[in-house]
Each structure stands twice: as C-alpha cells, then as structure tokens.
Protein backbone atom coordinates (compact mmCIF):
# COMPACT_ATOMS: atom_id res chain seq x y z
CA MET A 1 -8.05 113.26 52.23
CA PRO A 2 -7.67 113.08 55.45
CA ASN A 3 -8.88 117.04 57.42
CA GLN A 4 -6.99 117.65 60.14
CA GLY A 5 -8.35 115.85 62.94
CA GLU A 6 -7.29 113.07 61.66
CA LEU A 7 -3.90 113.44 61.23
CA PRO A 8 -2.64 112.43 65.40
CA GLU A 9 -4.83 108.83 64.53
CA LEU A 10 -2.79 108.62 60.64
CA ALA A 11 0.00 109.80 61.73
CA ALA A 12 0.03 107.13 64.44
CA THR A 13 -0.63 103.88 62.64
CA VAL A 14 2.79 104.27 60.62
CA LEU A 15 4.48 104.51 63.66
CA GLN A 16 6.08 101.01 64.69
CA PRO A 17 7.56 101.40 68.38
CA GLY A 18 9.29 99.00 70.73
CA PHE A 19 8.69 99.16 74.65
CA VAL A 20 10.24 97.42 77.61
CA GLY A 21 8.74 94.31 79.17
CA THR A 22 7.10 91.19 78.94
CA SER A 23 3.44 92.54 78.13
CA ALA A 24 2.05 95.50 77.19
CA PRO A 25 2.48 98.66 78.25
CA ASP A 26 -0.28 100.88 79.41
CA TRP A 27 0.99 103.53 76.94
CA VAL A 28 0.65 101.28 74.83
CA ARG A 29 -2.44 100.41 74.96
CA ARG A 30 -4.08 103.69 74.52
CA TRP A 31 -1.60 104.08 71.56
CA LEU A 32 -3.52 101.20 69.14
CA ALA A 33 -7.03 102.74 70.94
CA ASP A 34 -6.31 105.48 69.60
CA GLY A 35 -4.56 104.61 66.14
CA LEU A 36 -1.09 102.99 66.56
CA GLY A 37 -0.33 100.43 63.28
CA GLY A 38 2.14 98.12 65.26
CA VAL A 39 4.93 97.79 67.57
CA ALA A 40 8.47 95.96 67.31
CA LEU A 41 9.43 93.61 69.47
CA PHE A 42 12.81 92.93 70.73
CA ALA A 43 14.49 90.67 72.83
CA ARG A 44 13.51 92.34 76.15
CA ASN A 45 10.03 91.33 75.25
CA VAL A 46 10.40 87.94 74.98
CA GLU A 47 10.86 85.05 78.07
CA SER A 48 9.22 82.28 75.96
CA PRO A 49 6.21 81.51 73.31
CA ALA A 50 3.83 81.27 75.41
CA GLN A 51 5.06 84.88 77.53
CA VAL A 52 4.62 86.48 73.87
CA ALA A 53 1.72 84.85 72.77
CA ALA A 54 -0.15 86.57 76.16
CA LEU A 55 1.71 89.73 75.13
CA THR A 56 -0.35 89.71 71.92
CA ALA A 57 -2.62 88.49 72.63
CA GLN A 58 -3.47 91.93 74.65
CA LEU A 59 -2.38 94.38 72.20
CA ARG A 60 -5.10 93.01 69.37
CA ALA A 61 -8.13 93.22 71.87
CA GLU A 62 -7.18 96.69 72.05
CA ARG A 63 -6.62 96.75 68.20
CA PRO A 64 -7.21 93.20 66.10
CA ASP A 65 -5.52 94.30 62.50
CA VAL A 66 -2.51 95.67 64.75
CA ILE A 67 0.71 94.75 62.84
CA VAL A 68 3.15 92.43 65.86
CA ALA A 69 6.84 93.14 64.15
CA ILE A 70 9.68 90.90 64.99
CA ASP A 71 13.66 91.30 64.46
CA GLU A 72 14.20 87.80 63.65
CA GLU A 73 16.26 86.31 60.97
CA ALA A 74 16.67 82.51 62.46
CA GLY A 75 19.93 82.53 62.98
CA ASP A 76 23.17 84.67 64.52
CA VAL A 77 20.17 87.56 64.29
CA THR A 78 17.77 86.71 66.65
CA ARG A 79 15.32 88.33 68.85
CA PHE A 80 12.19 85.17 69.64
CA GLU A 81 15.61 82.89 71.00
CA SER A 82 17.82 85.39 71.77
CA ARG A 83 18.09 83.46 75.44
CA GLN A 84 19.18 79.91 74.20
CA GLY A 85 20.66 81.22 70.49
CA SER A 86 18.61 80.39 67.63
CA SER A 87 17.51 76.34 66.61
CA ARG A 88 18.45 77.38 62.99
CA PRO A 89 21.58 78.09 60.89
CA GLY A 90 21.03 81.18 59.70
CA ASN A 91 21.40 82.75 55.66
CA LEU A 92 24.57 81.91 55.53
CA ALA A 93 24.61 78.22 55.88
CA LEU A 94 21.63 77.64 54.00
CA GLY A 95 23.21 79.51 50.74
CA ALA A 96 26.17 77.04 51.53
CA ILE A 97 23.58 74.04 50.95
CA ASP A 98 22.04 75.85 48.25
CA ASP A 99 18.65 73.75 48.92
CA PRO A 100 16.06 76.03 47.71
CA ALA A 101 13.66 73.57 49.06
CA LEU A 102 14.86 73.04 51.87
CA THR A 103 15.54 76.99 52.82
CA PHE A 104 11.39 77.19 52.30
CA ALA A 105 11.06 74.80 54.66
CA VAL A 106 13.28 75.93 57.88
CA ALA A 107 10.97 79.69 57.24
CA SER A 108 7.92 78.30 56.87
CA ASP A 109 8.93 75.92 59.90
CA LEU A 110 10.40 79.85 61.74
CA GLY A 111 6.96 81.54 60.22
CA ALA A 112 4.69 78.47 61.89
CA GLU A 113 6.60 78.91 65.68
CA LEU A 114 6.17 83.58 64.98
CA ALA A 115 2.72 82.85 63.81
CA ASN A 116 0.85 80.90 66.29
CA ALA A 117 2.88 83.49 69.08
CA GLY A 118 0.83 85.73 67.21
CA ILE A 119 3.73 87.78 65.11
CA THR A 120 2.54 89.20 62.29
CA LEU A 121 5.44 91.00 60.16
CA ASP A 122 9.08 89.02 60.26
CA TYR A 123 11.81 91.87 59.42
CA ALA A 124 13.32 89.35 57.46
CA PRO A 125 15.06 87.43 55.66
CA ASP A 126 17.74 90.11 54.62
CA THR A 127 18.08 90.03 51.42
CA ASP A 128 22.05 91.29 51.04
CA VAL A 129 24.60 90.22 49.13
CA ASN A 130 27.50 90.00 50.94
CA SER A 131 29.74 91.36 48.68
CA ASN A 132 32.51 92.59 50.67
CA PRO A 133 34.06 90.04 53.08
CA ASP A 134 35.16 92.49 55.56
CA ASN A 135 31.36 93.64 55.80
CA PRO A 136 31.11 94.01 59.43
CA VAL A 137 27.13 93.96 59.40
CA ILE A 138 25.86 91.39 57.39
CA GLY A 139 28.06 88.69 56.60
CA VAL A 140 26.44 85.46 57.31
CA ARG A 141 23.40 87.28 58.16
CA ALA A 142 23.72 87.53 54.00
CA PHE A 143 23.26 84.15 51.88
CA GLY A 144 25.86 84.72 50.50
CA ALA A 145 27.97 86.43 47.53
CA GLU A 146 26.98 85.67 44.67
CA PRO A 147 23.68 87.58 43.90
CA HIS A 148 21.53 84.71 41.74
CA LEU A 149 22.03 82.23 44.90
CA VAL A 150 20.87 85.27 47.15
CA ALA A 151 17.87 85.84 44.66
CA ARG A 152 16.21 81.96 45.39
CA HIS A 153 16.98 81.72 48.85
CA SER A 154 15.51 85.54 48.94
CA ALA A 155 12.59 84.30 47.25
CA ALA A 156 13.06 80.44 48.59
CA PHE A 157 12.45 82.34 52.22
CA VAL A 158 9.86 84.60 51.43
CA ARG A 159 7.47 82.22 50.06
CA GLY A 160 8.25 80.34 53.47
CA LEU A 161 7.51 82.75 55.59
CA GLN A 162 4.12 83.75 53.65
CA ASP A 163 3.53 80.41 53.80
CA ALA A 164 2.75 80.16 57.03
CA GLY A 165 0.66 83.77 57.36
CA VAL A 166 4.03 85.65 58.70
CA ALA A 167 4.69 88.94 56.46
CA ALA A 168 8.14 88.50 55.03
CA CYS A 169 10.17 92.33 54.78
CA ALA A 170 12.99 91.84 52.48
CA LYS A 171 16.46 94.27 53.26
CA HIS A 172 18.32 96.36 53.46
CA PHE A 173 16.96 98.35 50.18
CA PRO A 174 18.91 98.51 47.63
CA GLY A 175 21.26 96.93 49.08
CA HIS A 176 23.81 96.66 52.26
CA GLY A 177 26.22 93.96 51.09
CA ASP A 178 29.30 96.03 49.69
CA THR A 179 29.91 98.30 52.12
CA SER A 180 32.56 98.00 54.93
CA VAL A 181 30.35 100.38 57.75
CA ASP A 182 28.03 99.35 59.59
CA SER A 183 24.77 101.59 58.89
CA HIS A 184 24.20 101.50 62.92
CA HIS A 185 27.30 104.08 63.33
CA ASP A 186 27.39 106.33 59.93
CA VAL A 187 26.87 106.13 56.40
CA PRO A 188 27.33 103.21 54.22
CA LEU A 189 28.48 104.33 50.76
CA ILE A 190 27.65 102.05 48.01
CA ASP A 191 29.29 103.15 45.36
CA ARG A 192 28.77 101.45 42.10
CA ASP A 193 27.43 102.27 38.86
CA ARG A 194 23.65 101.58 37.81
CA ALA A 195 24.16 98.84 35.50
CA GLU A 196 26.37 96.70 38.78
CA LEU A 197 23.54 97.75 41.06
CA ASP A 198 21.35 95.73 38.57
CA ALA A 199 23.34 93.32 37.83
CA CYS A 200 24.31 92.56 41.86
CA GLU A 201 22.17 94.40 44.73
CA LEU A 202 19.00 94.68 42.85
CA LEU A 203 18.64 90.77 41.48
CA PRO A 204 17.60 89.12 45.03
CA PHE A 205 14.86 92.24 46.47
CA ARG A 206 13.41 92.05 42.55
CA ALA A 207 13.61 87.62 43.57
CA ALA A 208 11.86 88.71 46.84
CA ILE A 209 9.29 91.04 45.21
CA GLU A 210 8.39 88.31 42.79
CA ALA A 211 7.93 85.76 45.18
CA GLY A 212 5.46 87.69 46.80
CA ALA A 213 7.10 89.76 49.72
CA GLN A 214 4.69 91.90 51.95
CA ALA A 215 7.41 94.39 52.46
CA VAL A 216 10.53 95.57 52.26
CA MET A 217 12.84 97.19 54.66
CA THR A 218 14.75 100.41 53.84
CA GLY A 219 18.85 101.01 53.85
CA HIS A 220 20.37 104.36 55.43
CA LEU A 221 23.07 104.53 52.60
CA LEU A 222 23.93 106.48 50.48
CA VAL A 223 23.61 105.49 47.04
CA PRO A 224 24.73 108.51 44.30
CA ALA A 225 23.49 106.49 41.61
CA PHE A 226 20.05 107.10 42.83
CA ASP A 227 20.67 110.21 44.90
CA ASN A 228 23.75 111.47 45.72
CA LYS A 229 22.40 114.00 49.19
CA LEU A 230 20.26 111.99 50.41
CA PRO A 231 20.67 108.62 52.47
CA ALA A 232 18.10 105.71 50.34
CA THR A 233 15.04 106.09 53.85
CA LEU A 234 14.73 109.92 53.48
CA SER A 235 15.16 109.08 48.84
CA HIS A 236 12.42 109.62 47.08
CA PRO A 237 14.58 108.24 43.92
CA ILE A 238 14.98 105.18 46.04
CA MET A 239 11.65 105.20 47.48
CA THR A 240 9.48 106.52 44.82
CA GLY A 241 11.53 106.00 41.63
CA LEU A 242 13.38 102.58 41.93
CA LEU A 243 11.23 100.74 44.35
CA ARG A 244 7.86 101.42 43.86
CA GLU A 245 7.61 102.82 40.11
CA GLU A 246 10.35 100.97 38.72
CA LEU A 247 10.32 97.75 40.36
CA GLY A 248 6.90 96.97 41.17
CA PHE A 249 6.51 96.74 44.64
CA GLN A 250 2.89 97.80 45.77
CA GLY A 251 3.77 96.79 49.58
CA LEU A 252 4.76 97.86 53.12
CA ILE A 253 8.21 100.34 53.18
CA VAL A 254 9.13 99.91 56.57
CA THR A 255 12.46 101.50 58.14
CA ASP A 256 15.50 99.95 59.72
CA GLY A 257 15.55 101.25 63.11
CA ILE A 258 15.43 104.98 62.51
CA GLU A 259 17.52 106.32 65.54
CA MET A 260 20.70 103.94 64.18
CA GLN A 261 23.21 107.18 63.86
CA GLY A 262 23.18 106.33 59.23
CA VAL A 263 20.06 109.26 59.44
CA ARG A 264 19.45 110.43 63.23
CA ARG A 265 22.35 111.61 63.41
CA ARG A 266 22.38 114.35 60.88
CA TYR A 267 18.47 114.72 60.42
CA GLY A 268 16.97 114.20 63.66
CA LEU A 269 15.00 111.34 65.21
CA ALA A 270 12.03 113.77 63.99
CA GLY A 271 13.56 114.97 60.57
CA ALA A 272 14.19 111.92 59.33
CA THR A 273 11.46 110.53 60.33
CA VAL A 274 9.16 113.37 58.15
CA LEU A 275 11.65 112.78 55.48
CA ALA A 276 11.64 109.14 55.11
CA LEU A 277 7.58 109.12 54.91
CA ALA A 278 7.45 112.17 52.04
CA ALA A 279 10.22 109.80 50.29
CA GLY A 280 7.68 107.24 49.89
CA VAL A 281 8.06 105.01 53.66
CA ASP A 282 5.17 103.35 55.08
CA ALA A 283 6.31 102.51 58.38
CA ILE A 284 9.30 103.82 60.98
CA CYS A 285 10.59 101.22 62.66
CA VAL A 286 11.35 103.30 66.47
CA GLY A 287 12.61 101.41 69.65
CA GLY A 288 15.25 99.56 69.52
CA ASP A 289 16.87 102.23 71.81
CA ASN A 290 14.19 104.54 71.93
CA ALA A 291 11.41 102.20 73.50
CA ASP A 292 9.08 105.01 75.81
CA GLU A 293 6.58 107.28 74.69
CA GLN A 294 8.04 110.68 75.06
CA THR A 295 9.64 109.67 71.66
CA ALA A 296 6.39 108.25 69.75
CA VAL A 297 4.26 111.99 71.15
CA LEU A 298 7.56 113.58 69.32
CA LEU A 299 7.40 111.81 66.46
CA ARG A 300 3.55 111.88 65.84
CA ASN A 301 3.68 115.38 66.30
CA ALA A 302 6.14 116.08 63.50
CA ILE A 303 4.53 114.10 60.98
CA VAL A 304 1.27 116.37 62.30
CA GLU A 305 3.07 119.29 61.50
CA ALA A 306 4.76 118.75 58.65
CA VAL A 307 1.07 118.03 57.42
CA ARG A 308 0.19 121.23 58.60
CA SER A 309 2.46 122.88 57.21
CA GLY A 310 2.76 121.17 54.10
CA GLU A 311 6.49 119.25 53.97
CA LEU A 312 4.83 116.26 54.11
CA GLY A 313 1.48 115.64 51.77
CA GLU A 314 -1.51 114.75 53.29
CA GLU A 315 -2.71 112.28 50.46
CA ARG A 316 1.03 110.93 51.64
CA LEU A 317 0.63 110.27 55.26
CA ALA A 318 -3.06 108.61 54.36
CA ASP A 319 -1.51 106.25 51.66
CA ALA A 320 1.03 105.36 54.11
CA ALA A 321 -1.52 104.76 56.81
CA ALA A 322 -3.80 102.38 54.45
CA ARG A 323 -0.78 99.98 53.84
CA VAL A 324 -0.13 99.78 56.83
CA ARG A 325 -3.81 98.41 57.68
CA ARG A 326 -3.58 96.53 54.08
CA LEU A 327 -0.96 94.66 55.74
CA GLY A 328 -2.72 94.47 59.02
CA ALA A 329 -5.61 92.56 57.07
CA TRP A 330 -3.40 90.70 55.23
CA ALA A 331 -1.69 89.06 58.17
CA SER A 332 -5.11 88.61 60.76
CA ALA A 333 -6.55 86.21 57.09
CA ALA A 334 -3.97 84.54 56.19
CA GLN A 335 -2.84 83.47 60.37
CA THR A 336 -6.89 82.81 60.60
CA ARG A 337 -6.19 80.58 57.73
CA THR A 338 -3.61 78.71 58.89
CA GLY A 339 -5.57 78.49 62.46
CA ALA A 340 -2.00 79.80 64.23
CA ARG A 341 -5.12 82.91 65.36
CA ALA A 342 -6.69 80.63 66.69
CA ILE A 343 -3.81 79.81 68.93
CA ALA A 344 -1.86 83.08 70.00
CA ASN A 345 -5.90 84.24 70.81
CA ARG A 346 -5.95 81.72 73.45
CA ALA A 347 -5.73 82.46 77.32
CA TRP A 348 -1.99 80.89 77.83
CA PRO A 349 -0.20 80.98 81.08
CA ILE A 350 2.50 82.68 80.62
CA ALA A 351 4.58 80.76 83.06
CA ASP A 352 3.87 77.44 80.58
CA LEU A 353 6.79 77.84 78.80
CA ALA A 354 5.74 74.63 76.65
CA ALA A 355 1.52 75.94 75.94
CA VAL A 356 2.57 76.68 71.94
CA PRO A 357 2.06 73.68 69.96
CA LYS A 358 5.78 74.54 67.96
CA PRO A 359 5.18 73.12 64.20
CA PRO A 360 5.89 70.51 63.19
CA ASN A 361 9.26 70.47 62.64
CA GLY A 362 10.49 72.60 65.59
CA SER A 363 12.22 70.07 67.64
CA ALA A 364 15.37 69.75 68.32
CA ALA A 365 15.75 66.81 65.91
CA GLY A 366 13.65 69.82 63.09
CA VAL A 367 14.70 71.23 59.96
CA GLY A 368 17.03 73.46 61.65
CA PHE A 369 19.20 71.72 63.29
CA GLU A 370 19.46 69.34 60.40
CA ALA A 371 19.66 71.88 57.99
CA ALA A 372 23.06 72.80 60.57
CA ARG A 373 23.91 69.45 60.38
CA ARG A 374 24.16 70.09 56.27
CA ALA A 375 25.66 73.48 56.11
CA VAL A 376 28.85 72.48 58.20
CA ARG A 377 31.74 71.66 55.53
CA VAL A 378 35.38 70.25 57.26
CA THR A 379 38.66 71.26 55.64
CA ILE A 380 41.65 68.39 56.68
CA ALA A 381 45.08 68.33 55.79
CA GLU A 382 47.55 66.11 54.74
CA GLY A 383 48.45 64.20 57.54
CA ALA A 384 45.90 65.48 59.94
CA THR A 385 44.13 63.86 62.37
CA PRO A 386 41.04 63.37 61.55
CA LEU A 387 37.99 63.24 63.32
CA PRO A 388 36.65 62.52 65.80
CA ILE A 389 38.48 63.27 68.83
CA ASP A 390 39.46 60.62 71.54
CA ARG A 391 39.81 62.24 74.70
CA ARG A 392 37.73 65.21 76.33
CA ALA A 393 38.71 68.82 74.63
CA HIS A 394 39.39 71.54 75.76
CA VAL A 395 37.42 74.43 73.81
CA VAL A 396 38.85 77.71 73.75
CA GLU A 397 36.22 80.51 72.33
CA PHE A 398 37.76 83.85 70.87
CA ALA A 399 35.38 86.16 70.52
CA PRO A 400 35.67 89.52 68.72
CA PRO A 401 33.48 92.40 69.16
CA ARG A 402 29.49 91.72 68.18
CA ASN A 403 27.59 93.89 66.09
CA ILE A 404 24.13 95.90 67.49
CA ALA A 405 21.77 93.83 65.30
CA ILE A 406 23.23 90.44 66.19
CA GLY A 407 23.24 91.62 70.08
CA ALA A 408 24.96 90.95 73.34
CA GLU A 409 22.70 88.85 74.91
CA THR A 410 22.42 85.73 72.61
CA PRO A 411 24.99 82.67 73.69
CA TRP A 412 26.87 81.27 71.17
CA GLY A 413 29.93 78.62 70.80
CA ILE A 414 30.52 74.94 71.40
CA GLY A 415 31.75 74.48 74.91
CA ALA A 416 28.35 73.72 76.18
CA PRO A 417 27.10 71.05 73.23
CA LEU A 418 30.46 69.73 73.41
CA ASP A 419 30.43 69.16 76.68
CA ASP A 420 26.86 67.66 77.00
CA LEU A 421 28.33 64.76 74.65
CA LEU A 422 31.87 64.81 75.91
CA PRO A 423 31.17 65.04 79.44
CA GLY A 424 34.52 66.86 81.04
CA THR A 425 35.11 69.41 78.23
CA THR A 426 36.04 72.48 79.37
CA SER A 427 36.24 75.80 78.26
CA MET A 428 36.89 79.25 78.01
CA ARG A 429 36.42 82.71 76.13
CA LEU A 430 38.76 85.09 75.03
CA THR A 431 38.58 89.04 73.22
CA ALA A 432 41.80 91.16 71.74
CA ASP A 433 41.44 92.94 74.96
CA ASP A 434 42.26 89.31 77.09
CA LEU A 435 45.19 89.19 74.59
CA GLU A 436 46.46 92.27 74.68
CA GLY A 437 50.57 93.00 75.60
CA LEU A 438 50.66 89.59 76.45
CA ALA A 439 54.36 88.30 75.14
CA ASP A 440 52.08 85.15 73.65
CA PRO A 441 49.55 85.37 73.35
CA ALA A 442 48.98 81.08 73.40
CA ALA A 443 50.01 80.86 76.36
CA PRO A 444 46.63 81.10 78.24
CA VAL A 445 45.04 78.86 75.31
CA LEU A 446 47.84 76.35 75.86
CA ALA A 447 47.79 76.89 79.85
CA GLY A 448 44.21 74.74 80.34
CA ALA A 449 44.81 72.25 77.04
CA ASP A 450 47.02 70.11 78.75
CA GLY A 451 46.10 66.38 78.41
CA ARG A 452 42.78 67.32 75.99
CA ALA A 453 42.19 67.70 72.44
CA LEU A 454 42.71 72.16 71.54
CA VAL A 455 39.02 73.29 70.08
CA LEU A 456 39.93 76.84 68.78
CA VAL A 457 36.25 78.53 68.26
CA ALA A 458 35.89 81.78 66.44
CA ARG A 459 34.07 84.08 64.03
CA ASP A 460 35.51 86.08 60.67
CA VAL A 461 39.18 85.59 61.50
CA HIS A 462 39.27 87.44 58.05
CA ARG A 463 38.66 90.54 59.51
CA HIS A 464 40.44 90.49 62.59
CA PRO A 465 44.19 90.71 62.96
CA TRP A 466 44.68 89.64 65.78
CA LEU A 467 42.83 86.96 66.44
CA ALA A 468 44.17 85.35 63.12
CA ALA A 469 47.47 85.98 64.81
CA ALA A 470 46.94 84.29 68.12
CA LEU A 471 45.35 81.66 66.12
CA ILE A 472 48.82 80.94 63.75
CA ARG A 473 50.68 81.31 67.23
CA VAL A 474 49.10 78.83 69.31
CA LEU A 475 48.45 76.17 66.22
CA GLU A 476 52.62 75.93 66.09
CA ALA A 477 52.22 75.15 69.65
CA ARG A 478 49.73 72.79 69.09
CA PRO A 479 49.52 71.94 65.12
CA ASP A 480 46.53 69.25 65.98
CA ALA A 481 43.84 72.13 67.48
CA ILE A 482 41.04 71.24 66.10
CA VAL A 483 39.76 75.11 64.46
CA VAL A 484 36.18 76.25 64.13
CA GLU A 485 34.69 78.50 62.19
CA MET A 486 31.87 79.91 63.45
CA GLY A 487 31.52 83.03 60.49
CA VAL A 488 32.05 83.45 56.37
CA PRO A 489 34.63 81.25 56.01
CA VAL A 490 37.35 82.70 54.24
CA THR A 491 40.80 82.17 56.16
CA VAL A 492 41.30 78.63 56.95
CA LEU A 493 43.21 77.60 59.33
CA GLY A 494 44.89 74.84 61.32
CA GLY A 495 45.42 70.58 60.12
CA VAL A 496 40.79 70.30 60.71
CA HIS A 497 39.61 72.92 59.73
CA ILE A 498 35.42 73.35 60.25
CA ALA A 499 33.39 75.74 58.89
CA THR A 500 30.02 76.09 60.92
CA TYR A 501 28.64 79.43 58.16
CA GLY A 502 27.02 80.72 61.93
CA ALA A 503 26.93 81.27 65.39
CA THR A 504 23.86 79.63 66.40
CA ARG A 505 22.95 77.95 68.47
CA ALA A 506 22.20 74.61 65.77
CA CYS A 507 25.40 75.77 64.27
CA GLY A 508 27.25 75.05 67.62
CA LEU A 509 25.59 71.49 68.38
CA ALA A 510 26.81 70.41 64.80
CA ALA A 511 30.26 71.77 64.93
CA ALA A 512 29.88 69.29 68.45
CA GLU A 513 28.66 66.30 66.63
CA LEU A 514 31.02 65.88 64.46
CA ILE A 515 34.16 67.04 67.37
CA ALA A 516 32.62 64.93 69.59
CA GLY A 517 32.18 61.23 67.22
CA ASN A 518 28.04 61.19 66.99
CA ARG A 519 28.34 62.07 63.06
CA VAL A 520 30.99 61.27 60.22
CA PRO A 521 32.10 63.99 58.71
CA ALA A 522 32.51 64.45 54.60
CA PRO A 523 36.12 66.05 54.90
CA LEU A 524 36.70 68.49 52.01
CA ALA A 525 40.61 68.17 50.67
CA ALA A 526 42.37 70.70 51.19
C-alpha cells in the first residue's frame, strides 16, 4: 500500500495528457521526472516522422519507459499523417476485402512506422461493430457491420501492430456501433439486452483480448444491460465486473478523452477522472482540448484528494499505476527486440523529413495503397459508359460536416490525385450551406462541367438528405456523371458508382486510378 508521500507520483503515473507543440514542453519534462506515466500525441504535435522521433527521444530522456500514445487508426482518423492523409485505407476498406492476412500486414506496416518514431501505444483498432448505419462517429472507422468479420479483423490488427512493437488498444468498450449519438457531444444509449451484446458488441472485444491486446479504451456509453446509471467509463460493473472479471482482460484500461461531453458535462473533468479510476480504469486520456499543465494539476490533485477522502482506494490507484508501468516496460522490451528503439533513439534532425527509415512496405506502392486498390468496388448500370473516362474531368466534392474524431485538418477527396493523372482536371468543394436556398442545387455543379467528364464525390450519402437530393438533381441533368462514395456505401446512385470504403489519401488515389484508366476495374453488376 502506498504511503501518503507517494500519492502525487502515483496520481501522475495514471495520466496521459496532451500538450501543444512539436517538442516537449518544460512542464511535461518536469512531470515525467516526477512520475508522469505517459503522454498522448495529437495532430498538432506531428510534422514529420523525424520530428516525432526527436520529440519522443526528448520524452524518453526524462523517463525511458514513458508511454507515448497516438490516435492513429490508419484511415480517416489519422494523426501521424494528418497533413497529407493516410497512406492506408482504413478499417472499412480492410473489412470489405476480408483478408485477415492483409489486415495483419497493414497493421504491421503501420506499427513499424510508429515504432521507428518512438510511439509505443496506438489507440487502435476501432473494434466497434457499425450495426447502425446512421452512426455519426464510427462509420468507416469500423471493419464492418457483421460481428464475426469485425472480430477476425480486430484480432489480426492487434497481432500486426504488436508484432511491430506497438501496443494495440481495442476501442470503444463495450461497443459504440449501435448508436446515432456522438459521445464527443452527449451520452449515447446502447439499448440492447445481454444476449444481443454478447452476440454483437462484445464478440470483437473477446477476439482482441484473445489476440493479446495490451490495452482497451473505454466508451462513454450508457449500457443499461450492465449499468443503468453510469456511463461505461465510470461503471464498476462494466470496467471491473465485465471487462476484468468476466472477459479476463489483464492489460491497461484507458479512457477515451475524459473531456468529451459524454462524461464531462455531468461529472466534470476531475469528477469523471476519479470515478473512472474507482470503476477500474488505469489511465486517463486528456488533452484533446485541455492540453495544459493546469489541467494535469487539477486531475492529479483530484486523484490525491479522492484517496485521502476514501473515495478512491489506495490499492486501486497503486494497481492502476502498476499496469501503466507494465505496459511501458512491455513496449520498451518489444521495440528493443524489433530494433525500433535504436532507430528512435538516434538524434534525428527535425528538419530532415526522410531521416527515419520507412518500413519495408511504407512507400506509395506499399501495402497500404495496394489494400486501398483491392477495396474499391465499382457498380455500372446497364447502358452506362464504362470506365475509364476519355477526357478531362470536373470534380465536385460534397463535404458534409466532419465528426471531431476525424478532424478538420486532414485532406480528403480525389481532385488532387485525379489532376496528377489527368492534368487539367478542375475541382471544387460544396457544403450544405453553399447549396441552401438555391432554386437549383445543380447549378453550381454544372457550371464548370461543360465539355468535361463530371465526377461527384461524397461521404455517407445516406446520412445527409441535402447531399442525396443534390446528387439526384445533378444526375438528372448529367446521367453520365460518375459518383464516388468515400463513406459507408449504403446508397448507390448513378450509372457508374465507385465505393472506396474510406476517404484517405490511399482511397482517393485508388479511385482516381480507376477513373483515369491507370487500372482496370472489376465492375459489379447493378
């Protein structure tokens, strides 16, 4: 049992704060020396692999076993490649291919790249079953809507990532797929009975745990089948009773961002932190929004006071801190075994974008881009003009609001890669606001399309009535237009419909190659 003097250090150990900047701030260095167990990197911390390697070397100089985490799903949600878009297609594309060996290879490729930059924990894979097509925050982040498919690919991703020396983190326990609410904004309700949860939501988590996942991330979800009062993150019956005792998970349990409104609105940052630890959580992820020392002080002090008041058991805190240290030790040993630690420890010049070696398949011709090409599905209606096009194109990308998880900074679409393949291609982007109030929403689309092939690009058409209506109107005027769906392909429109199952850079290139004739499609009958 810890003595009172050890409490601040133990409290710091269970925090995974974010920070601002591309090098380690003084306060983070001080905290690492005083016991901070880990940090979380966001897109704002990443300029290049070389810069991240230099940053993580700074962190390890203060604490060699520090956990350096990142939310890198290798898909639409990318932090490591946020400036250019992911060179991998994302989970839904991998699920559409349904080749677990390929999923393993993509995850291993990703893991090698992260490990070479000194990252030790990836908040991936997304292990949710996207059983509700109206889900606003999961969608293409899931491997699919069928539990057994999601289970086998979650397991393959876990094995691939950890084979490269990066701890995998299955999320969002006990399953964020059957909801139409985003937990960044409110508390989603998972209104399923125990049998339904066992058959769907829990199946992939069991598979990930059996595959050896080192970590599990909680979901800020209300699941009445287990607890009708507290969100899962704060629920002892779910974190301890279900995850620890019933499923037998002995690794690190980390929260989703504790500042998300799914828990913060009602319980506050400090209150949610203490309740999560008491429920059985081991590490608190914070800093997507509150990325400052004041927040870390607030949470550390709240934890210490909770132990002193008896709200949080001393042994529970000590156990959580021990699990954090065990994961740090596992990652250090794993990356020493793979040789990644030696690479990451070199003094890479921050300005040298090519300094850190890429994994064997890390080039534009590597496994990520090949996976994106394999995922594309083409539907050609009877009588429609087949691909490729024989003239310059006009690309119109319809942009629905993005969820917070994806972020506004990551580029998407096919305009740029198609222009590389077909010089002279023009492109524009439209939002619902751009079309609101127009007598004819097709007018701005058609204005630049005279004499050109028209390519209409969208994400999740089925979730956005304004988008579906606009596409239908444009197709009435230009039935020869090609529709590219870069979200979940529920609604198929147009004579030629291309589904990429994601909106990453790799997905955009795969679609552009088909349109430009760099690759022969395998059409699916309409």
